[in-house]
Amino acid sequence: MPARNARLRAVFLTFVAILALIVSGCGSEVTGSAQPVAGGLIDATAPTTKAPNSKPSAPTRTKPSAPTGQIGRDTGGDVDFEVAIGECVRLGGTVTDATIDHAACGSNDSNYKVIAKAPTNAQCVSDADSYYYETLGGEEQGALCLDIDWVVGGCMDLSGDDPQRMDCSATTSDGVKVAEIQQNVDDVDGCPTSGGFLYEARRFVVCTDDL
């Protein structure tokens, strides 16, 4: 009789262990993270070598469709946040606890545009301005590749971790106004402005003036 009780207890403990594993697996949380990507943007006043990245406003207008070469495609991955390539978002929070919400392109709430989707953030185009990705149990599930939602005639404050739209009449040491976007170029020398940002991999330049 004692031997039978011991066997029953062993079976019960094994069941409890399996149940604990199932519960812990079901309780895993999806965590969103974001990270600006260094190395995508070039200031026209600096030598044309890789430099840290960057981060538009009045008048508020809908951003036109991005020219060929700026928008990528969906190569896989999965994030809980539903958004289409070409739509815009408001990204905030911190690197390890990012927040993301839908925003109309060109609006005061928008600071990034989704340019592609990928299985991991490392698979975003090298000159993307930022990315948002989600992990489950420490494993990356998918990523949104992001560019600043530049608007010609609009202004951006680039002083924080993420760009913010600003009134063009305001002044700030890190504020810029977008004059034009040039396609199929490899440097900022053709910008009619005091500066610009080069997207080297996709060969376009955002020409800007400091505020």
C-alpha atoms as a PDB file:
ATOM      1  CA  MET A   1       0.000   0.000   0.000  1.00  0.00           C
ATOM      2  CA  PRO A   2       2.754   2.576   0.793  1.00  0.00           C
ATOM      3  CA  ALA A   3       4.373   1.817  -2.604  1.00  0.00           C
ATOM      4  CA  ARG A   4       1.090   2.517  -4.404  1.00  0.00           C
ATOM      5  CA  ASN A   5       0.728   5.857  -2.550  1.00  0.00           C
ATOM      6  CA  ALA A   6       4.270   6.812  -3.548  1.00  0.00           C
ATOM      7  CA  ARG A   7       3.526   6.103  -7.203  1.00  0.00           C
ATOM      8  CA  LEU A   8       0.314   8.164  -7.054  1.00  0.00           C
ATOM      9  CA  ARG A   9       2.195  11.060  -5.443  1.00  0.00           C
ATOM     10  CA  ALA A  10       4.880  10.918  -8.153  1.00  0.00           C
ATOM     11  CA  VAL A  11       2.223  11.007 -10.894  1.00  0.00           C
ATOM     12  CA  PHE A  12       0.511  13.955  -9.180  1.00  0.00           C
ATOM     13  CA  LEU A  13       3.758  15.949  -8.874  1.00  0.00           C
ATOM     14  CA  THR A  14       4.543  15.309 -12.547  1.00  0.00           C
ATOM     15  CA  PHE A  15       1.087  16.611 -13.515  1.00  0.00           C
ATOM     16  CA  VAL A  16       1.601  19.742 -11.402  1.00  0.00           C
ATOM     17  CA  ALA A  17       4.977  20.414 -13.064  1.00  0.00           C
ATOM     18  CA  ILE A  18       3.498  20.071 -16.564  1.00  0.00           C
ATOM     19  CA  LEU A  19       0.575  22.342 -15.620  1.00  0.00           C
ATOM     20  CA  ALA A  20       3.015  24.979 -14.315  1.00  0.00           C
ATOM     21  CA  LEU A  21       4.928  24.953 -17.597  1.00  0.00           C
ATOM     22  CA  ILE A  22       1.689  25.393 -19.583  1.00  0.00           C
ATOM     23  CA  VAL A  23       0.524  28.297 -17.383  1.00  0.00           C
ATOM     24  CA  SER A  24       3.889  30.064 -17.544  1.00  0.00           C
ATOM     25  CA  GLY A  25       3.944  29.733 -21.336  1.00  0.00           C
ATOM     26  CA  CYS A  26       0.431  31.155 -21.663  1.00  0.00           C
ATOM     27  CA  GLY A  27       1.349  34.063 -19.407  1.00  0.00           C
ATOM     28  CA  SER A  28       4.208  35.329 -21.564  1.00  0.00           C
ATOM     29  CA  GLU A  29       3.699  38.982 -22.465  1.00  0.00           C
ATOM     30  CA  VAL A  30       4.324  40.672 -25.782  1.00  0.00           C
ATOM     31  CA  THR A  31       6.744  43.536 -25.262  1.00  0.00           C
ATOM     32  CA  GLY A  32       7.105  46.416 -27.692  1.00  0.00           C
ATOM     33  CA  SER A  33      10.465  48.043 -28.253  1.00  0.00           C
ATOM     34  CA  ALA A  34      11.711  50.857 -30.457  1.00  0.00           C
ATOM     35  CA  GLN A  35      15.109  52.106 -31.443  1.00  0.00           C
ATOM     36  CA  PRO A  36      16.343  55.008 -33.562  1.00  0.00           C
ATOM     37  CA  VAL A  37      18.730  53.745 -36.211  1.00  0.00           C
ATOM     38  CA  ALA A  38      22.076  55.515 -36.306  1.00  0.00           C
ATOM     39  CA  GLY A  39      23.871  56.097 -39.556  1.00  0.00           C
ATOM     40  CA  GLY A  40      21.082  56.872 -42.018  1.00  0.00           C
ATOM     41  CA  LEU A  41      21.223  60.641 -42.276  1.00  0.00           C
ATOM     42  CA  ILE A  42      23.829  63.107 -43.474  1.00  0.00           C
ATOM     43  CA  ASP A  43      23.955  66.822 -42.663  1.00  0.00           C
ATOM     44  CA  ALA A  44      24.713  68.911 -45.731  1.00  0.00           C
ATOM     45  CA  THR A  45      27.112  71.061 -43.748  1.00  0.00           C
ATOM     46  CA  ALA A  46      29.184  68.042 -42.728  1.00  0.00           C
ATOM     47  CA  PRO A  47      31.442  65.769 -44.801  1.00  0.00           C
ATOM     48  CA  THR A  48      29.453  63.133 -46.649  1.00  0.00           C
ATOM     49  CA  THR A  49      30.273  60.291 -44.282  1.00  0.00           C
ATOM     50  CA  LYS A  50      27.898  58.328 -42.088  1.00  0.00           C
ATOM     51  CA  ALA A  51      26.497  60.374 -39.189  1.00  0.00           C
ATOM     52  CA  PRO A  52      23.920  59.791 -36.406  1.00  0.00           C
ATOM     53  CA  ASN A  53      20.288  59.905 -37.461  1.00  0.00           C
ATOM     54  CA  SER A  54      17.683  62.434 -36.918  1.00  0.00           C
ATOM     55  CA  LYS A  55      13.736  63.402 -36.690  1.00  0.00           C
ATOM     56  CA  PRO A  56       8.136  68.153 -39.378  1.00  0.00           C
ATOM     57  CA  SER A  57       4.415  71.080 -38.883  1.00  0.00           C
ATOM     58  CA  ALA A  58       2.642  74.125 -40.049  1.00  0.00           C
ATOM     59  CA  PRO A  59       0.890  74.121 -42.358  1.00  0.00           C
ATOM     60  CA  THR A  60      -0.640  70.722 -41.582  1.00  0.00           C
ATOM     61  CA  ARG A  61      -1.335  68.851 -44.799  1.00  0.00           C
ATOM     62  CA  THR A  62      -1.707  65.263 -45.896  1.00  0.00           C
ATOM     63  CA  LYS A  63       1.573  63.780 -46.981  1.00  0.00           C
ATOM     64  CA  PRO A  64       1.580  62.697 -50.635  1.00  0.00           C
ATOM     65  CA  SER A  65       2.391  59.138 -51.594  1.00  0.00           C
ATOM     66  CA  ALA A  66       6.067  58.409 -51.070  1.00  0.00           C
ATOM     67  CA  PRO A  67       8.145  58.398 -54.256  1.00  0.00           C
ATOM     68  CA  THR A  68       9.424  55.116 -55.637  1.00  0.00           C
ATOM     69  CA  GLY A  69      12.394  53.873 -53.641  1.00  0.00           C
ATOM     70  CA  GLN A  70      11.255  55.098 -50.234  1.00  0.00           C
ATOM     71  CA  ILE A  71       8.657  52.408 -49.533  1.00  0.00           C
ATOM     72  CA  GLY A  72       9.612  48.766 -49.057  1.00  0.00           C
ATOM     73  CA  ARG A  73       7.462  45.670 -48.623  1.00  0.00           C
ATOM     74  CA  ASP A  74       6.235  43.118 -46.115  1.00  0.00           C
ATOM     75  CA  THR A  75       8.835  40.372 -45.781  1.00  0.00           C
ATOM     76  CA  GLY A  76       7.240  38.612 -42.817  1.00  0.00           C
ATOM     77  CA  GLY A  77       7.101  38.842 -39.066  1.00  0.00           C
ATOM     78  CA  ASP A  78       4.131  39.592 -36.841  1.00  0.00           C
ATOM     79  CA  VAL A  79       3.284  42.475 -34.505  1.00  0.00           C
ATOM     80  CA  ASP A  80       0.030  42.968 -32.586  1.00  0.00           C
ATOM     81  CA  PHE A  81      -0.247  46.580 -33.771  1.00  0.00           C
ATOM     82  CA  GLU A  82      -2.213  46.594 -37.043  1.00  0.00           C
ATOM     83  CA  VAL A  83      -0.925  49.155 -39.542  1.00  0.00           C
ATOM     84  CA  ALA A  84      -0.353  49.098 -43.301  1.00  0.00           C
ATOM     85  CA  ILE A  85       2.845  50.014 -45.113  1.00  0.00           C
ATOM     86  CA  GLY A  86       2.548  53.670 -46.114  1.00  0.00           C
ATOM     87  CA  GLU A  87       0.446  54.609 -43.077  1.00  0.00           C
ATOM     88  CA  CYS A  88       1.750  56.801 -40.264  1.00  0.00           C
ATOM     89  CA  VAL A  89       2.090  56.387 -36.509  1.00  0.00           C
ATOM     90  CA  ARG A  90       3.018  58.236 -33.361  1.00  0.00           C
ATOM     91  CA  LEU A  91       5.931  56.482 -31.672  1.00  0.00           C
ATOM     92  CA  GLY A  92       6.884  57.306 -28.111  1.00  0.00           C
ATOM     93  CA  GLY A  93       7.861  55.792 -24.788  1.00  0.00           C
ATOM     94  CA  THR A  94      11.312  54.362 -24.259  1.00  0.00           C
ATOM     95  CA  VAL A  95      13.589  51.958 -26.079  1.00  0.00           C
ATOM     96  CA  THR A  96      12.508  49.051 -23.866  1.00  0.00           C
ATOM     97  CA  ASP A  97       8.865  50.125 -23.324  1.00  0.00           C
ATOM     98  CA  ALA A  98       7.724  51.755 -26.562  1.00  0.00           C
ATOM     99  CA  THR A  99       4.261  53.150 -27.243  1.00  0.00           C
ATOM    100  CA  ILE A 100       2.759  53.270 -30.725  1.00  0.00           C
ATOM    101  CA  ASP A 101      -0.556  54.674 -31.987  1.00  0.00           C
ATOM    102  CA  HIS A 102      -2.197  55.347 -35.347  1.00  0.00           C
ATOM    103  CA  ALA A 103      -1.851  58.880 -36.712  1.00  0.00           C
ATOM    104  CA  ALA A 104      -2.862  60.583 -39.946  1.00  0.00           C
ATOM    105  CA  CYS A 105       0.150  61.252 -42.138  1.00  0.00           C
ATOM    106  CA  GLY A 106       1.147  64.903 -42.021  1.00  0.00           C
ATOM    107  CA  SER A 107      -0.890  65.556 -38.846  1.00  0.00           C
ATOM    108  CA  ASN A 108       0.486  67.015 -35.620  1.00  0.00           C
ATOM    109  CA  ASP A 109       0.311  63.561 -34.033  1.00  0.00           C
ATOM    110  CA  SER A 110       2.337  61.777 -36.696  1.00  0.00           C
ATOM    111  CA  ASN A 111       6.095  61.443 -36.380  1.00  0.00           C
ATOM    112  CA  TYR A 112       6.895  58.279 -38.362  1.00  0.00           C
ATOM    113  CA  LYS A 113       5.715  56.515 -41.514  1.00  0.00           C
ATOM    114  CA  VAL A 114       5.746  52.712 -41.880  1.00  0.00           C
ATOM    115  CA  ILE A 115       8.012  51.967 -44.836  1.00  0.00           C
ATOM    116  CA  ALA A 116       8.276  48.172 -44.532  1.00  0.00           C
ATOM    117  CA  LYS A 117       7.643  45.146 -42.331  1.00  0.00           C
ATOM    118  CA  ALA A 118      10.230  42.509 -41.474  1.00  0.00           C
ATOM    119  CA  PRO A 119      10.719  39.430 -39.268  1.00  0.00           C
ATOM    120  CA  THR A 120      13.348  41.302 -37.198  1.00  0.00           C
ATOM    121  CA  ASN A 121      14.462  44.908 -36.849  1.00  0.00           C
ATOM    122  CA  ALA A 122      17.883  43.942 -38.220  1.00  0.00           C
ATOM    123  CA  GLN A 123      16.196  43.233 -41.561  1.00  0.00           C
ATOM    124  CA  CYS A 124      14.903  46.799 -41.992  1.00  0.00           C
ATOM    125  CA  VAL A 125      16.638  48.806 -44.721  1.00  0.00           C
ATOM    126  CA  SER A 126      19.896  50.193 -43.355  1.00  0.00           C
ATOM    127  CA  ASP A 127      18.919  53.859 -43.744  1.00  0.00           C
ATOM    128  CA  ALA A 128      15.537  53.617 -41.984  1.00  0.00           C
ATOM    129  CA  ASP A 129      15.160  56.289 -39.299  1.00  0.00           C
ATOM    130  CA  SER A 130      13.812  53.942 -36.636  1.00  0.00           C
ATOM    131  CA  TYR A 131      11.927  50.716 -36.050  1.00  0.00           C
ATOM    132  CA  TYR A 132       9.343  49.233 -33.702  1.00  0.00           C
ATOM    133  CA  TYR A 133       9.460  45.551 -32.846  1.00  0.00           C
ATOM    134  CA  GLU A 134       7.745  43.148 -30.478  1.00  0.00           C
ATOM    135  CA  THR A 135       9.160  40.242 -28.516  1.00  0.00           C
ATOM    136  CA  LEU A 136       7.498  37.256 -26.884  1.00  0.00           C
ATOM    137  CA  GLY A 137       9.470  35.282 -24.335  1.00  0.00           C
ATOM    138  CA  GLY A 138      12.620  37.130 -25.403  1.00  0.00           C
ATOM    139  CA  GLU A 139      12.188  36.174 -29.073  1.00  0.00           C
ATOM    140  CA  GLU A 140      11.558  38.891 -31.658  1.00  0.00           C
ATOM    141  CA  GLN A 141       8.235  38.309 -33.455  1.00  0.00           C
ATOM    142  CA  GLY A 142       8.272  41.061 -36.073  1.00  0.00           C
ATOM    143  CA  ALA A 143       9.258  44.651 -36.798  1.00  0.00           C
ATOM    144  CA  LEU A 144       7.880  47.820 -38.392  1.00  0.00           C
ATOM    145  CA  CYS A 145      10.542  49.770 -40.302  1.00  0.00           C
ATOM    146  CA  LEU A 146      10.022  53.521 -39.939  1.00  0.00           C
ATOM    147  CA  ASP A 147      11.014  56.803 -41.597  1.00  0.00           C
ATOM    148  CA  ILE A 148      10.354  60.257 -40.204  1.00  0.00           C
ATOM    149  CA  ASP A 149       7.061  61.544 -41.600  1.00  0.00           C
ATOM    150  CA  TRP A 150       8.717  64.398 -43.487  1.00  0.00           C
ATOM    151  CA  VAL A 151       6.328  66.963 -44.997  1.00  0.00           C
ATOM    152  CA  VAL A 152       7.562  69.533 -47.490  1.00  0.00           C
ATOM    153  CA  GLY A 153       6.917  72.954 -45.946  1.00  0.00           C
ATOM    154  CA  GLY A 154       6.563  71.403 -42.491  1.00  0.00           C
ATOM    155  CA  CYS A 155       8.898  71.589 -39.497  1.00  0.00           C
ATOM    156  CA  MET A 156      10.274  69.030 -37.089  1.00  0.00           C
ATOM    157  CA  ASP A 157      11.903  69.240 -33.690  1.00  0.00           C
ATOM    158  CA  LEU A 158      14.684  66.658 -33.632  1.00  0.00           C
ATOM    159  CA  SER A 159      15.954  67.323 -30.115  1.00  0.00           C
ATOM    160  CA  GLY A 160      14.340  64.348 -28.381  1.00  0.00           C
ATOM    161  CA  ASP A 161      14.558  60.592 -28.763  1.00  0.00           C
ATOM    162  CA  ASP A 162      11.749  60.786 -31.336  1.00  0.00           C
ATOM    163  CA  PRO A 163      10.912  63.622 -33.760  1.00  0.00           C
ATOM    164  CA  GLN A 164       8.004  65.919 -32.955  1.00  0.00           C
ATOM    165  CA  ARG A 165       6.110  68.277 -35.256  1.00  0.00           C
ATOM    166  CA  MET A 166       6.543  71.907 -34.377  1.00  0.00           C
ATOM    167  CA  ASP A 167       5.267  75.293 -35.467  1.00  0.00           C
ATOM    168  CA  CYS A 168       7.603  76.713 -38.078  1.00  0.00           C
ATOM    169  CA  SER A 169       7.457  80.122 -36.373  1.00  0.00           C
ATOM    170  CA  ALA A 170       9.100  78.690 -33.261  1.00  0.00           C
ATOM    171  CA  THR A 171      12.851  78.563 -32.804  1.00  0.00           C
ATOM    172  CA  THR A 172      14.882  75.703 -31.441  1.00  0.00           C
ATOM    173  CA  SER A 173      18.459  74.581 -31.844  1.00  0.00           C
ATOM    174  CA  ASP A 174      17.286  71.259 -33.296  1.00  0.00           C
ATOM    175  CA  GLY A 175      14.349  72.416 -35.396  1.00  0.00           C
ATOM    176  CA  VAL A 176      14.351  72.022 -39.183  1.00  0.00           C
ATOM    177  CA  LYS A 177      12.025  73.025 -42.024  1.00  0.00           C
ATOM    178  CA  VAL A 178      11.711  70.731 -45.051  1.00  0.00           C
ATOM    179  CA  ALA A 179      12.235  72.557 -48.340  1.00  0.00           C
ATOM    180  CA  GLU A 180      12.139  69.649 -50.782  1.00  0.00           C
ATOM    181  CA  ILE A 181      12.803  65.934 -51.221  1.00  0.00           C
ATOM    182  CA  GLN A 182      15.167  64.968 -54.022  1.00  0.00           C
ATOM    183  CA  GLN A 183      15.151  61.506 -55.603  1.00  0.00           C
ATOM    184  CA  ASN A 184      17.963  59.458 -57.150  1.00  0.00           C
ATOM    185  CA  VAL A 185      20.795  61.427 -55.568  1.00  0.00           C
ATOM    186  CA  ASP A 186      23.829  60.301 -53.593  1.00  0.00           C
ATOM    187  CA  ASP A 187      24.739  63.476 -51.686  1.00  0.00           C
ATOM    188  CA  VAL A 188      23.241  66.679 -50.307  1.00  0.00           C
ATOM    189  CA  ASP A 189      25.271  69.020 -52.501  1.00  0.00           C
ATOM    190  CA  GLY A 190      22.252  69.762 -54.704  1.00  0.00           C
ATOM    191  CA  CYS A 191      20.088  70.995 -51.819  1.00  0.00           C
ATOM    192  CA  PRO A 192      19.212  74.705 -52.079  1.00  0.00           C
ATOM    193  CA  THR A 193      19.136  74.847 -48.281  1.00  0.00           C
ATOM    194  CA  SER A 194      21.592  75.046 -45.403  1.00  0.00           C
ATOM    195  CA  GLY A 195      21.424  71.339 -44.730  1.00  0.00           C
ATOM    196  CA  GLY A 196      19.831  68.039 -45.566  1.00  0.00           C
ATOM    197  CA  PHE A 197      19.569  64.377 -44.688  1.00  0.00           C
ATOM    198  CA  LEU A 198      20.818  61.658 -47.010  1.00  0.00           C
ATOM    199  CA  TYR A 199      19.104  58.268 -47.204  1.00  0.00           C
ATOM    200  CA  GLU A 200      22.040  56.521 -48.768  1.00  0.00           C
ATOM    201  CA  ALA A 201      20.631  53.036 -49.388  1.00  0.00           C
ATOM    202  CA  ARG A 202      17.489  54.335 -51.127  1.00  0.00           C
ATOM    203  CA  ARG A 203      19.196  57.320 -52.789  1.00  0.00           C
ATOM    204  CA  PHE A 204      17.062  60.276 -51.765  1.00  0.00           C
ATOM    205  CA  VAL A 205      17.691  63.456 -49.796  1.00  0.00           C
ATOM    206  CA  VAL A 206      15.472  65.552 -47.527  1.00  0.00           C
ATOM    207  CA  CYS A 207      16.669  69.157 -47.931  1.00  0.00           C
ATOM    208  CA  THR A 208      16.158  71.249 -44.793  1.00  0.00           C
ATOM    209  CA  ASP A 209      16.813  74.670 -43.299  1.00  0.00           C
ATOM    210  CA  ASP A 210      17.596  75.171 -39.617  1.00  0.00           C
ATOM    211  CA  LEU A 211      15.048  77.189 -37.627  1.00  0.00           C
END
